[in-house]
């Protein structure tokens, strides 16, 4: 059984294509229209290379398996 880290945050858009995600070490930076920016610090156990992202009605969900 694989353990998974799940993080959810509210975003000002309903279309994933309006967001840009970038990764630096274990920090995920989410940017969007009108200067929106949100930084998330993930634990070192999170496998950021296998990050999965989905958007549900203005809620962004990030899932990463734990090493």
C-alpha atoms as a PDB file:
ATOM      1  CA  UNK A   1       0.000   0.000   0.000  1.00  0.00           C
ATOM      2  CA  UNK A   2       1.429   3.365  -1.041  1.00  0.00           C
ATOM      3  CA  UNK A   3       1.068   6.322   1.294  1.00  0.00           C
ATOM      4  CA  UNK A   4       0.064   9.541  -0.449  1.00  0.00           C
ATOM      5  CA  UNK A   5       0.257  13.173   0.609  1.00  0.00           C
ATOM      6  CA  UNK A   6      -2.842  15.146  -0.417  1.00  0.00           C
ATOM      7  CA  UNK A   7      -2.918  18.963  -0.311  1.00  0.00           C
ATOM      8  CA  UNK A   8      -5.904  21.075  -1.310  1.00  0.00           C
ATOM      9  CA  UNK A   9      -6.045  24.841  -1.816  1.00  0.00           C
ATOM     10  CA  UNK A  10      -8.586  27.303  -3.150  1.00  0.00           C
ATOM     11  CA  UNK A  11      -7.689  29.037  -6.435  1.00  0.00           C
ATOM     12  CA  UNK A  12      -9.420  31.921  -8.290  1.00  0.00           C
ATOM     13  CA  UNK A  13      -9.982  29.962 -11.530  1.00  0.00           C
ATOM     14  CA  UNK A  14     -12.063  27.026 -12.714  1.00  0.00           C
ATOM     15  CA  UNK A  15      -9.778  25.988 -15.588  1.00  0.00           C
ATOM     16  CA  UNK A  16      -6.458  24.282 -14.851  1.00  0.00           C
ATOM     17  CA  UNK A  17      -4.931  25.829 -17.988  1.00  0.00           C
ATOM     18  CA  UNK A  18      -5.128  29.263 -16.296  1.00  0.00           C
ATOM     19  CA  UNK A  19      -2.644  28.159 -13.627  1.00  0.00           C
ATOM     20  CA  UNK A  20       1.085  27.612 -13.822  1.00  0.00           C
ATOM     21  CA  UNK A  21       2.823  25.296 -11.386  1.00  0.00           C
ATOM     22  CA  UNK A  22       6.551  25.207 -10.848  1.00  0.00           C
ATOM     23  CA  UNK A  23       8.640  23.143  -8.475  1.00  0.00           C
ATOM     24  CA  UNK A  24      11.814  24.159  -6.661  1.00  0.00           C
ATOM     25  CA  UNK A  25      13.159  21.509  -4.263  1.00  0.00           C
ATOM     26  CA  UNK A  26      10.014  20.677  -2.253  1.00  0.00           C
ATOM     27  CA  UNK A  27       8.284  24.025  -2.804  1.00  0.00           C
ATOM     28  CA  UNK A  28       5.405  24.202  -5.272  1.00  0.00           C
ATOM     29  CA  UNK A  29       4.633  27.675  -6.627  1.00  0.00           C
ATOM     30  CA  UNK A  30       1.168  28.197  -8.121  1.00  0.00           C
ATOM     31  CA  UNK A  31       0.581  31.352 -10.178  1.00  0.00           C
ATOM     32  CA  UNK A  32      -2.490  32.549 -12.014  1.00  0.00           C
ATOM     33  CA  UNK A  33      -4.294  35.565 -13.404  1.00  0.00           C
ATOM     34  CA  UNK A  34      -4.429  38.958 -11.672  1.00  0.00           C
ATOM     35  CA  UNK A  35      -1.190  38.357  -9.783  1.00  0.00           C
ATOM     36  CA  UNK A  36      -2.422  35.261  -7.926  1.00  0.00           C
ATOM     37  CA  UNK A  37       0.407  33.342  -6.260  1.00  0.00           C
ATOM     38  CA  UNK A  38       0.424  30.574  -3.658  1.00  0.00           C
ATOM     39  CA  UNK A  39       3.517  28.780  -2.310  1.00  0.00           C
ATOM     40  CA  UNK A  40       3.278  25.305  -0.805  1.00  0.00           C
ATOM     41  CA  UNK A  41       6.108  23.667   1.099  1.00  0.00           C
ATOM     42  CA  UNK A  42       5.892  19.871   0.855  1.00  0.00           C
ATOM     43  CA  UNK A  43       7.734  17.484   3.166  1.00  0.00           C
ATOM     44  CA  UNK A  44      10.936  15.877   1.898  1.00  0.00           C
ATOM     45  CA  UNK A  45       9.222  12.468   1.886  1.00  0.00           C
ATOM     46  CA  UNK A  46       6.894  13.663  -0.914  1.00  0.00           C
ATOM     47  CA  UNK A  47       7.917  12.443  -4.364  1.00  0.00           C
ATOM     48  CA  UNK A  48       7.420  15.749  -6.223  1.00  0.00           C
ATOM     49  CA  UNK A  49       8.498  14.130  -9.512  1.00  0.00           C
ATOM     50  CA  UNK A  50       5.307  12.042  -9.416  1.00  0.00           C
ATOM     51  CA  UNK A  51       2.975  14.882  -8.417  1.00  0.00           C
ATOM     52  CA  UNK A  52      -0.613  14.618  -9.693  1.00  0.00           C
ATOM     53  CA  UNK A  53      -2.757  17.748 -10.022  1.00  0.00           C
ATOM     54  CA  UNK A  54      -6.527  18.117 -10.471  1.00  0.00           C
ATOM     55  CA  UNK A  55      -8.913  21.051 -10.241  1.00  0.00           C
ATOM     56  CA  UNK A  56     -12.465  20.720  -8.877  1.00  0.00           C
ATOM     57  CA  UNK A  57     -14.628  23.873  -8.861  1.00  0.00           C
ATOM     58  CA  UNK A  58     -11.924  26.317  -7.704  1.00  0.00           C
ATOM     59  CA  UNK A  59     -10.148  23.767  -5.470  1.00  0.00           C
ATOM     60  CA  UNK A  60      -6.751  22.545  -6.591  1.00  0.00           C
ATOM     61  CA  UNK A  61      -5.754  19.100  -5.333  1.00  0.00           C
ATOM     62  CA  UNK A  62      -2.111  17.996  -5.331  1.00  0.00           C
ATOM     63  CA  UNK A  63      -1.217  14.347  -4.666  1.00  0.00           C
ATOM     64  CA  UNK A  64       2.287  13.024  -4.206  1.00  0.00           C
ATOM     65  CA  UNK A  65       3.348   9.537  -3.145  1.00  0.00           C
ATOM     66  CA  UNK A  66       5.496   9.402  -0.038  1.00  0.00           C
ATOM     67  CA  UNK A  67       8.916   7.783  -0.317  1.00  0.00           C
END
